[in-house]
C-alpha cells in the first residue's frame, strides 16, 4: 500500500555532516521544530503504478481476459449456433 501511495523518507544530518535515514517520530519532530532547515532532508518517491494495479487486482479482482473459443462438431448444430448469434445480434 505504501508503494501505491508514494514513499517519503526523512534524513537527518549527524555530527559528521552525513545524512542518515531516521524513522523515530520523536527525532523527526525534534528536527522539524529545531528551525534549522539544513539539519534534515525529506525524500519522496512517486506512487508506483504497478503496485497500485496489483493492489486493485487483489481488492476488486483481476479483470477477465477474453477467451477465443473454437467450436467443432455437427454441421446442423453449428448452423443453429450461427443462426442464434444472428438473432441475438439484431
Protein backbone atom coordinates (compact mmCIF):
# COMPACT_ATOMS: atom_id res chain seq x y z
CA UNK A 1 0.00 0.00 0.00
CA UNK A 2 2.85 2.37 0.76
CA UNK A 3 4.36 1.93 -2.70
CA UNK A 4 0.96 2.55 -4.31
CA UNK A 5 0.55 5.80 -2.34
CA UNK A 6 4.15 7.01 -2.70
CA UNK A 7 7.00 6.89 -0.21
CA UNK A 8 8.68 9.53 1.93
CA UNK A 9 12.00 9.15 3.76
CA UNK A 10 13.31 11.51 6.42
CA UNK A 11 17.05 12.08 6.62
CA UNK A 12 18.82 13.84 9.50
CA UNK A 13 22.36 15.26 9.39
CA UNK A 14 24.63 13.64 12.00
CA UNK A 15 27.71 15.07 13.74
CA UNK A 16 29.96 14.16 10.79
CA UNK A 17 27.71 16.07 8.38
CA UNK A 18 26.32 12.95 6.70
CA UNK A 19 22.61 12.33 6.25
CA UNK A 20 21.16 9.21 7.87
CA UNK A 21 17.63 7.90 7.49
CA UNK A 22 15.52 8.42 10.61
CA UNK A 23 12.29 6.57 11.44
CA UNK A 24 11.88 7.58 15.10
CA UNK A 25 8.95 10.02 15.32
CA UNK A 26 10.45 11.88 18.30
CA UNK A 27 13.68 12.59 16.39
CA UNK A 28 11.73 13.69 13.32
CA UNK A 29 9.57 16.04 15.38
CA UNK A 30 12.61 17.50 17.15
CA UNK A 31 14.36 18.13 13.81
CA UNK A 32 11.27 19.81 12.34
CA UNK A 33 10.87 22.02 15.43
CA UNK A 34 14.57 22.95 15.54
CA UNK A 35 14.18 25.60 12.86
CA UNK A 36 17.42 24.51 11.19
CA UNK A 37 16.44 23.70 7.61
CA UNK A 38 19.92 22.35 6.84
CA UNK A 39 19.64 19.67 9.54
CA UNK A 40 17.15 17.46 7.71
CA UNK A 41 16.09 16.38 4.24
CA UNK A 42 12.88 14.68 3.08
CA UNK A 43 12.99 12.47 0.00
CA UNK A 44 9.73 11.49 -1.68
CA UNK A 45 9.08 8.91 -4.37
CA UNK A 46 6.14 8.96 -6.75
CA UNK A 47 3.41 6.35 -6.38
CA UNK A 48 4.11 3.10 -8.18
CA UNK A 49 1.60 2.31 -10.93
CA UNK A 50 2.35 -1.47 -10.89
CA UNK A 51 1.87 -1.54 -7.11
CA UNK A 52 -1.46 0.29 -7.45
CA UNK A 53 -2.58 -2.11 -10.21
CA UNK A 54 -1.66 -5.13 -8.11
CA UNK A 55 -3.49 -3.68 -5.11
CA UNK A 56 -6.65 -3.06 -7.17
CA UNK A 57 -6.48 -6.55 -8.70
CA UNK A 58 -6.39 -8.01 -5.19
CA UNK A 59 -9.13 -5.73 -3.85
CA UNK A 60 -11.70 -5.86 -6.66
CA UNK A 61 -10.46 -8.89 -8.60
CA UNK A 62 -8.48 -9.00 -11.79
CA UNK A 63 -10.37 -8.11 -15.00
CA UNK A 64 -11.48 -11.10 -17.03
CA UNK A 65 -9.36 -11.71 -20.09
CA UNK A 66 -11.22 -12.56 -23.28
CA UNK A 67 -11.12 -16.17 -24.39
CA UNK A 68 -11.39 -17.24 -28.02
CA UNK A 69 -13.46 -20.37 -28.43
CA UNK A 70 -13.33 -22.74 -31.37
CA UNK A 71 -16.43 -24.87 -31.79
CA UNK A 72 -16.29 -28.07 -33.81
CA UNK A 73 -18.89 -30.71 -34.25
CA UNK A 74 -22.12 -31.49 -36.07
CA UNK A 75 -22.88 -29.23 -39.08
CA UNK A 76 -26.54 -28.87 -38.02
CA UNK A 77 -25.53 -27.77 -34.52
CA UNK A 78 -23.07 -25.23 -35.95
CA UNK A 79 -25.77 -23.83 -38.24
CA UNK A 80 -28.17 -23.45 -35.29
CA UNK A 81 -25.49 -21.68 -33.24
CA UNK A 82 -24.74 -19.32 -36.12
CA UNK A 83 -28.46 -18.53 -36.57
CA UNK A 84 -28.84 -17.88 -32.82
CA UNK A 85 -25.90 -15.49 -32.84
CA UNK A 86 -27.50 -13.56 -35.70
CA UNK A 87 -30.81 -13.32 -33.79
CA UNK A 88 -29.09 -12.08 -30.64
CA UNK A 89 -27.08 -9.55 -32.66
CA UNK A 90 -30.26 -7.92 -34.02
